[in-house]
Amino acid sequence: MIAIATVIAEGTALALNRGRCPLTTMAENMGAEDGSVTGIFLPRWLADRAFVIWGLTFIGACILVLIRQIDS
């Protein structure tokens, strides 16, 4: 339950910031040229869509949890 609440809080922060990570703005304010904070080893096309991909994965997982709870 704590993990779900944490992801929802992060999603709320993204929604309030118009889909842009708040750390991107911080990085740009500190002098970064493009503000990219994706320090992960993923192809660029995947890193650019990370929030959408992981968000849909999270929603799918929540649906599966709800189905399991209903069946028990």
PDB file of N, CA and C in Angstrom:
ATOM      1  N   MET A   1       0.819  -1.188   0.000  1.00  0.00           N
ATOM      2  CA  MET A   1       0.000   0.000   0.000  1.00  0.00           C
ATOM      3  C   MET A   1       0.868   1.259   0.000  1.00  0.00           C
ATOM      4  N   ILE A   2       1.979   1.209   0.715  1.00  0.00           N
ATOM      5  CA  ILE A   2       2.885   2.367   0.757  1.00  0.00           C
ATOM      6  C   ILE A   2       3.479   2.615  -0.623  1.00  0.00           C
ATOM      7  N   ALA A   3       3.818   1.542  -1.329  1.00  0.00           N
ATOM      8  CA  ALA A   3       4.394   1.687  -2.672  1.00  0.00           C
ATOM      9  C   ALA A   3       3.385   2.322  -3.625  1.00  0.00           C
ATOM     10  N   ILE A   4       2.132   1.915  -3.538  1.00  0.00           N
ATOM     11  CA  ILE A   4       1.098   2.490  -4.400  1.00  0.00           C
ATOM     12  C   ILE A   4       0.923   3.972  -4.094  1.00  0.00           C
ATOM     13  N   ALA A   5       0.893   4.320  -2.816  1.00  0.00           N
ATOM     14  CA  ALA A   5       0.748   5.725  -2.427  1.00  0.00           C
ATOM     15  C   ALA A   5       1.933   6.566  -2.911  1.00  0.00           C
ATOM     16  N   THR A   6       3.118   5.999  -2.872  1.00  0.00           N
ATOM     17  CA  THR A   6       4.307   6.717  -3.324  1.00  0.00           C
ATOM     18  C   THR A   6       4.245   6.998  -4.818  1.00  0.00           C
ATOM     19  N   VAL A   7       3.838   6.003  -5.591  1.00  0.00           N
ATOM     20  CA  VAL A   7       3.741   6.188  -7.043  1.00  0.00           C
ATOM     21  C   VAL A   7       2.648   7.196  -7.374  1.00  0.00           C
ATOM     22  N   ILE A   8       1.543   7.161  -6.656  1.00  0.00           N
ATOM     23  CA  ILE A   8       0.468   8.132  -6.881  1.00  0.00           C
ATOM     24  C   ILE A   8       0.952   9.538  -6.534  1.00  0.00           C
ATOM     25  N   ALA A   9       1.719   9.683  -5.466  1.00  0.00           N
ATOM     26  CA  ALA A   9       2.265  10.997  -5.104  1.00  0.00           C
ATOM     27  C   ALA A   9       3.211  11.507  -6.195  1.00  0.00           C
ATOM     28  N   GLU A  10       4.035  10.621  -6.738  1.00  0.00           N
ATOM     29  CA  GLU A  10       4.936  11.020  -7.817  1.00  0.00           C
ATOM     30  C   GLU A  10       4.152  11.415  -9.065  1.00  0.00           C
ATOM     31  N   GLY A  11       3.120  10.651  -9.370  1.00  0.00           N
ATOM     32  CA  GLY A  11       2.271  10.983 -10.514  1.00  0.00           C
ATOM     33  C   GLY A  11       1.579  12.323 -10.338  1.00  0.00           C
ATOM     34  N   THR A  12       1.169  12.623  -9.116  1.00  0.00           N
ATOM     35  CA  THR A  12       0.547  13.917  -8.827  1.00  0.00           C
ATOM     36  C   THR A  12       1.543  15.044  -9.039  1.00  0.00           C
ATOM     37  N   ALA A  13       2.779  14.852  -8.589  1.00  0.00           N
ATOM     38  CA  ALA A  13       3.816  15.873  -8.794  1.00  0.00           C
ATOM     39  C   ALA A  13       4.060  16.105 -10.281  1.00  0.00           C
ATOM     40  N   LEU A  14       4.077  15.037 -11.065  1.00  0.00           N
ATOM     41  CA  LEU A  14       4.247  15.182 -12.517  1.00  0.00           C
ATOM     42  C   LEU A  14       3.059  15.893 -13.136  1.00  0.00           C
ATOM     43  N   ALA A  15       1.859  15.552 -12.705  1.00  0.00           N
ATOM     44  CA  ALA A  15       0.652  16.176 -13.255  1.00  0.00           C
ATOM     45  C   ALA A  15       0.628  17.671 -12.929  1.00  0.00           C
ATOM     46  N   LEU A  16       0.990  18.019 -11.722  1.00  0.00           N
ATOM     47  CA  LEU A  16       1.009  19.435 -11.336  1.00  0.00           C
ATOM     48  C   LEU A  16       2.084  20.219 -12.069  1.00  0.00           C
ATOM     49  N   ASN A  17       3.103  19.530 -12.549  1.00  0.00           N
ATOM     50  CA  ASN A  17       4.198  20.180 -13.273  1.00  0.00           C
ATOM     51  C   ASN A  17       4.052  19.976 -14.790  1.00  0.00           C
ATOM     52  N   ARG A  18       2.828  19.718 -15.243  1.00  0.00           N
ATOM     53  CA  ARG A  18       2.504  19.533 -16.667  1.00  0.00           C
ATOM     54  C   ARG A  18       3.302  18.407 -17.322  1.00  0.00           C
ATOM     55  N   GLY A  19       3.490  17.303 -16.619  1.00  0.00           N
ATOM     56  CA  GLY A  19       4.163  16.143 -17.182  1.00  0.00           C
ATOM     57  C   GLY A  19       5.674  16.226 -17.216  1.00  0.00           C
ATOM     58  N   ARG A  20       6.223  17.254 -16.646  1.00  0.00           N
ATOM     59  CA  ARG A  20       7.676  17.431 -16.635  1.00  0.00           C
ATOM     60  C   ARG A  20       8.200  17.164 -15.226  1.00  0.00           C
ATOM     61  N   CYS A  21       9.260  16.398 -15.152  1.00  0.00           N
ATOM     62  CA  CYS A  21       9.838  16.070 -13.855  1.00  0.00           C
ATOM     63  C   CYS A  21      10.349  17.334 -13.171  1.00  0.00           C
ATOM     64  N   PRO A  22      10.007  17.551 -11.907  1.00  0.00           N
ATOM     65  CA  PRO A  22      10.497  18.735 -11.189  1.00  0.00           C
ATOM     66  C   PRO A  22      12.030  18.780 -11.097  1.00  0.00           C
ATOM     67  N   LEU A  23      12.684  17.624 -11.147  1.00  0.00           N
ATOM     68  CA  LEU A  23      14.141  17.612 -11.092  1.00  0.00           C
ATOM     69  C   LEU A  23      14.764  18.189 -12.358  1.00  0.00           C
ATOM     70  N   THR A  24      14.032  18.133 -13.472  1.00  0.00           N
ATOM     71  CA  THR A  24      14.522  18.724 -14.715  1.00  0.00           C
ATOM     72  C   THR A  24      14.681  20.226 -14.552  1.00  0.00           C
ATOM     73  N   THR A  25      13.692  20.872 -13.973  1.00  0.00           N
ATOM     74  CA  THR A  25      13.754  22.316 -13.727  1.00  0.00           C
ATOM     75  C   THR A  25      14.897  22.638 -12.778  1.00  0.00           C
ATOM     76  N   MET A  26      15.063  21.827 -11.738  1.00  0.00           N
ATOM     77  CA  MET A  26      16.174  22.055 -10.806  1.00  0.00           C
ATOM     78  C   MET A  26      17.517  21.940 -11.519  1.00  0.00           C
ATOM     79  N   ALA A  27      17.670  20.941 -12.373  1.00  0.00           N
ATOM     80  CA  ALA A  27      18.925  20.742 -13.097  1.00  0.00           C
ATOM     81  C   ALA A  27      19.211  21.925 -14.018  1.00  0.00           C
ATOM     82  N   GLU A  28      18.183  22.438 -14.687  1.00  0.00           N
ATOM     83  CA  GLU A  28      18.374  23.594 -15.559  1.00  0.00           C
ATOM     84  C   GLU A  28      18.728  24.838 -14.762  1.00  0.00           C
ATOM     85  N   ASN A  29      18.131  25.011 -13.594  1.00  0.00           N
ATOM     86  CA  ASN A  29      18.453  26.157 -12.736  1.00  0.00           C
ATOM     87  C   ASN A  29      19.888  26.094 -12.218  1.00  0.00           C
ATOM     88  N   MET A  30      20.434  24.887 -12.116  1.00  0.00           N
ATOM     89  CA  MET A  30      21.805  24.722 -11.631  1.00  0.00           C
ATOM     90  C   MET A  30      22.824  24.768 -12.758  1.00  0.00           C
ATOM     91  N   GLY A  31      22.357  24.958 -14.010  1.00  0.00           N
ATOM     92  CA  GLY A  31      23.288  25.149 -15.103  1.00  0.00           C
ATOM     93  C   GLY A  31      23.330  24.074 -16.157  1.00  0.00           C
ATOM     94  N   ALA A  32      22.511  23.058 -16.041  1.00  0.00           N
ATOM     95  CA  ALA A  32      22.496  22.012 -17.071  1.00  0.00           C
ATOM     96  C   ALA A  32      21.946  22.592 -18.370  1.00  0.00           C
ATOM     97  N   GLU A  33      22.500  22.151 -19.488  1.00  0.00           N
ATOM     98  CA  GLU A  33      22.073  22.688 -20.772  1.00  0.00           C
ATOM     99  C   GLU A  33      20.670  22.232 -21.160  1.00  0.00           C
ATOM    100  N   ASP A  34      20.409  20.949 -21.038  1.00  0.00           N
ATOM    101  CA  ASP A  34      19.095  20.459 -21.453  1.00  0.00           C
ATOM    102  C   ASP A  34      18.222  20.023 -20.291  1.00  0.00           C
ATOM    103  N   GLY A  35      18.745  19.992 -19.098  1.00  0.00           N
ATOM    104  CA  GLY A  35      17.965  19.624 -17.925  1.00  0.00           C
ATOM    105  C   GLY A  35      17.641  18.156 -17.823  1.00  0.00           C
ATOM    106  N   SER A  36      18.279  17.347 -18.626  1.00  0.00           N
ATOM    107  CA  SER A  36      17.990  15.915 -18.588  1.00  0.00           C
ATOM    108  C   SER A  36      18.546  15.307 -17.309  1.00  0.00           C
ATOM    109  N   VAL A  37      17.673  14.622 -16.604  1.00  0.00           N
ATOM    110  CA  VAL A  37      18.103  13.954 -15.374  1.00  0.00           C
ATOM    111  C   VAL A  37      17.913  12.445 -15.486  1.00  0.00           C
ATOM    112  N   THR A  38      17.768  11.964 -16.725  1.00  0.00           N
ATOM    113  CA  THR A  38      17.617  10.527 -16.920  1.00  0.00           C
ATOM    114  C   THR A  38      19.004   9.902 -16.972  1.00  0.00           C
ATOM    115  N   GLY A  39      19.578   9.664 -15.830  1.00  0.00           N
ATOM    116  CA  GLY A  39      20.901   9.071 -15.741  1.00  0.00           C
ATOM    117  C   GLY A  39      20.820   7.557 -15.764  1.00  0.00           C
ATOM    118  N   ILE A  40      20.008   7.044 -16.646  1.00  0.00           N
ATOM    119  CA  ILE A  40      19.838   5.605 -16.748  1.00  0.00           C
ATOM    120  C   ILE A  40      20.318   5.163 -18.125  1.00  0.00           C
ATOM    121  N   PHE A  41      20.729   3.927 -18.211  1.00  0.00           N
ATOM    122  CA  PHE A  41      21.273   3.419 -19.460  1.00  0.00           C
ATOM    123  C   PHE A  41      20.168   2.788 -20.295  1.00  0.00           C
ATOM    124  N   LEU A  42      19.376   3.638 -20.904  1.00  0.00           N
ATOM    125  CA  LEU A  42      18.304   3.209 -21.782  1.00  0.00           C
ATOM    126  C   LEU A  42      18.456   3.932 -23.107  1.00  0.00           C
ATOM    127  N   PRO A  43      17.948   3.356 -24.178  1.00  0.00           N
ATOM    128  CA  PRO A  43      17.948   4.092 -25.441  1.00  0.00           C
ATOM    129  C   PRO A  43      17.151   5.386 -25.282  1.00  0.00           C
ATOM    130  N   ARG A  44      17.539   6.405 -26.022  1.00  0.00           N
ATOM    131  CA  ARG A  44      16.906   7.721 -25.888  1.00  0.00           C
ATOM    132  C   ARG A  44      15.390   7.650 -26.072  1.00  0.00           C
ATOM    133  N   TRP A  45      14.924   6.880 -27.079  1.00  0.00           N
ATOM    134  CA  TRP A  45      13.487   6.808 -27.342  1.00  0.00           C
ATOM    135  C   TRP A  45      12.730   6.212 -26.157  1.00  0.00           C
ATOM    136  N   LEU A  46      13.369   5.289 -25.431  1.00  0.00           N
ATOM    137  CA  LEU A  46      12.727   4.686 -24.271  1.00  0.00           C
ATOM    138  C   LEU A  46      12.772   5.637 -23.073  1.00  0.00           C
ATOM    139  N   ALA A  47      13.889   6.310 -22.884  1.00  0.00           N
ATOM    140  CA  ALA A  47      14.013   7.253 -21.767  1.00  0.00           C
ATOM    141  C   ALA A  47      13.030   8.406 -21.913  1.00  0.00           C
ATOM    142  N   ASP A  48      12.782   8.847 -23.160  1.00  0.00           N
ATOM    143  CA  ASP A  48      11.845   9.943 -23.385  1.00  0.00           C
ATOM    144  C   ASP A  48      10.408   9.547 -23.071  1.00  0.00           C
ATOM    145  N   ARG A  49      10.117   8.270 -23.122  1.00  0.00           N
ATOM    146  CA  ARG A  49       8.756   7.789 -22.880  1.00  0.00           C
ATOM    147  C   ARG A  49       8.632   7.028 -21.557  1.00  0.00           C
ATOM    148  N   ALA A  50       9.586   7.169 -20.706  1.00  0.00           N
ATOM    149  CA  ALA A  50       9.629   6.382 -19.462  1.00  0.00           C
ATOM    150  C   ALA A  50       8.394   6.608 -18.593  1.00  0.00           C
ATOM    151  N   PHE A  51       7.975   7.859 -18.430  1.00  0.00           N
ATOM    152  CA  PHE A  51       6.825   8.131 -17.553  1.00  0.00           C
ATOM    153  C   PHE A  51       5.558   7.470 -18.090  1.00  0.00           C
ATOM    154  N   VAL A  52       5.366   7.508 -19.384  1.00  0.00           N
ATOM    155  CA  VAL A  52       4.175   6.889 -19.985  1.00  0.00           C
ATOM    156  C   VAL A  52       4.237   5.375 -19.845  1.00  0.00           C
ATOM    157  N   ILE A  53       5.372   4.785 -20.180  1.00  0.00           N
ATOM    158  CA  ILE A  53       5.508   3.331 -20.135  1.00  0.00           C
ATOM    159  C   ILE A  53       5.343   2.805 -18.709  1.00  0.00           C
ATOM    160  N   TRP A  54       6.048   3.400 -17.764  1.00  0.00           N
ATOM    161  CA  TRP A  54       5.968   2.903 -16.384  1.00  0.00           C
ATOM    162  C   TRP A  54       4.632   3.260 -15.752  1.00  0.00           C
ATOM    163  N   GLY A  55       4.024   4.364 -16.187  1.00  0.00           N
ATOM    164  CA  GLY A  55       2.700   4.721 -15.678  1.00  0.00           C
ATOM    165  C   GLY A  55       1.644   3.703 -16.094  1.00  0.00           C
ATOM    166  N   LEU A  56       1.685   3.302 -17.372  1.00  0.00           N
ATOM    167  CA  LEU A  56       0.746   2.291 -17.849  1.00  0.00           C
ATOM    168  C   LEU A  56       1.000   0.942 -17.173  1.00  0.00           C
ATOM    169  N   THR A  57       2.265   0.628 -16.939  1.00  0.00           N
ATOM    170  CA  THR A  57       2.607  -0.609 -16.226  1.00  0.00           C
ATOM    171  C   THR A  57       2.042  -0.578 -14.808  1.00  0.00           C
ATOM    172  N   PHE A  58       2.153   0.560 -14.146  1.00  0.00           N
ATOM    173  CA  PHE A  58       1.626   0.719 -12.788  1.00  0.00           C
ATOM    174  C   PHE A  58       0.110   0.550 -12.766  1.00  0.00           C
ATOM    175  N   ILE A  59      -0.579   1.172 -13.718  1.00  0.00           N
ATOM    176  CA  ILE A  59      -2.036   1.053 -13.772  1.00  0.00           C
ATOM    177  C   ILE A  59      -2.442  -0.405 -13.993  1.00  0.00           C
ATOM    178  N   GLY A  60      -1.743  -1.076 -14.900  1.00  0.00           N
ATOM    179  CA  GLY A  60      -2.025  -2.491 -15.136  1.00  0.00           C
ATOM    180  C   GLY A  60      -1.808  -3.331 -13.889  1.00  0.00           C
ATOM    181  N   ALA A  61      -0.740  -3.055 -13.166  1.00  0.00           N
ATOM    182  CA  ALA A  61      -0.458  -3.802 -11.936  1.00  0.00           C
ATOM    183  C   ALA A  61      -1.531  -3.538 -10.879  1.00  0.00           C
ATOM    184  N   CYS A  62      -1.995  -2.298 -10.781  1.00  0.00           N
ATOM    185  CA  CYS A  62      -3.059  -1.975  -9.816  1.00  0.00           C
ATOM    186  C   CYS A  62      -4.348  -2.716 -10.166  1.00  0.00           C
ATOM    187  N   ILE A  63      -4.645  -2.814 -11.454  1.00  0.00           N
ATOM    188  CA  ILE A  63      -5.834  -3.556 -11.882  1.00  0.00           C
ATOM    189  C   ILE A  63      -5.709  -5.025 -11.484  1.00  0.00           C
ATOM    190  N   LEU A  64      -4.532  -5.605 -11.697  1.00  0.00           N
ATOM    191  CA  LEU A  64      -4.328  -7.004 -11.309  1.00  0.00           C
ATOM    192  C   LEU A  64      -4.457  -7.198  -9.798  1.00  0.00           C
ATOM    193  N   VAL A  65      -3.951  -6.256  -9.023  1.00  0.00           N
ATOM    194  CA  VAL A  65      -4.084  -6.338  -7.560  1.00  0.00           C
ATOM    195  C   VAL A  65      -5.556  -6.270  -7.163  1.00  0.00           C
ATOM    196  N   LEU A  66      -6.312  -5.362  -7.794  1.00  0.00           N
ATOM    197  CA  LEU A  66      -7.737  -5.263  -7.480  1.00  0.00           C
ATOM    198  C   LEU A  66      -8.487  -6.543  -7.838  1.00  0.00           C
ATOM    199  N   ILE A  67      -8.166  -7.110  -8.990  1.00  0.00           N
ATOM    200  CA  ILE A  67      -8.813  -8.378  -9.384  1.00  0.00           C
ATOM    201  C   ILE A  67      -8.488  -9.476  -8.379  1.00  0.00           C
ATOM    202  N   ARG A  68      -7.249  -9.519  -7.937  1.00  0.00           N
ATOM    203  CA  ARG A  68      -6.876 -10.548  -6.958  1.00  0.00           C
ATOM    204  C   ARG A  68      -7.593 -10.345  -5.628  1.00  0.00           C
ATOM    205  N   GLN A  69      -7.746  -9.083  -5.220  1.00  0.00           N
ATOM    206  CA  GLN A  69      -8.440  -8.798  -3.968  1.00  0.00           C
ATOM    207  C   GLN A  69      -9.918  -9.164  -4.052  1.00  0.00           C
ATOM    208  N   ILE A  70     -10.522  -8.919  -5.210  1.00  0.00           N
ATOM    209  CA  ILE A  70     -11.938  -9.225  -5.388  1.00  0.00           C
ATOM    210  C   ILE A  70     -12.161 -10.742  -5.381  1.00  0.00           C
ATOM    211  N   ASP A  71     -11.241 -11.479  -5.996  1.00  0.00           N
ATOM    212  CA  ASP A  71     -11.379 -12.935  -6.065  1.00  0.00           C
ATOM    213  C   ASP A  71     -11.118 -13.647  -4.742  1.00  0.00           C
ATOM    214  N   SER A  72     -10.433 -12.999  -3.802  1.00  0.00           N
ATOM    215  CA  SER A  72     -10.126 -13.696  -2.555  1.00  0.00           C
ATOM    216  C   SER A  72     -11.231 -13.612  -1.547  1.00  0.00           C
TER     217      SER A  72
END
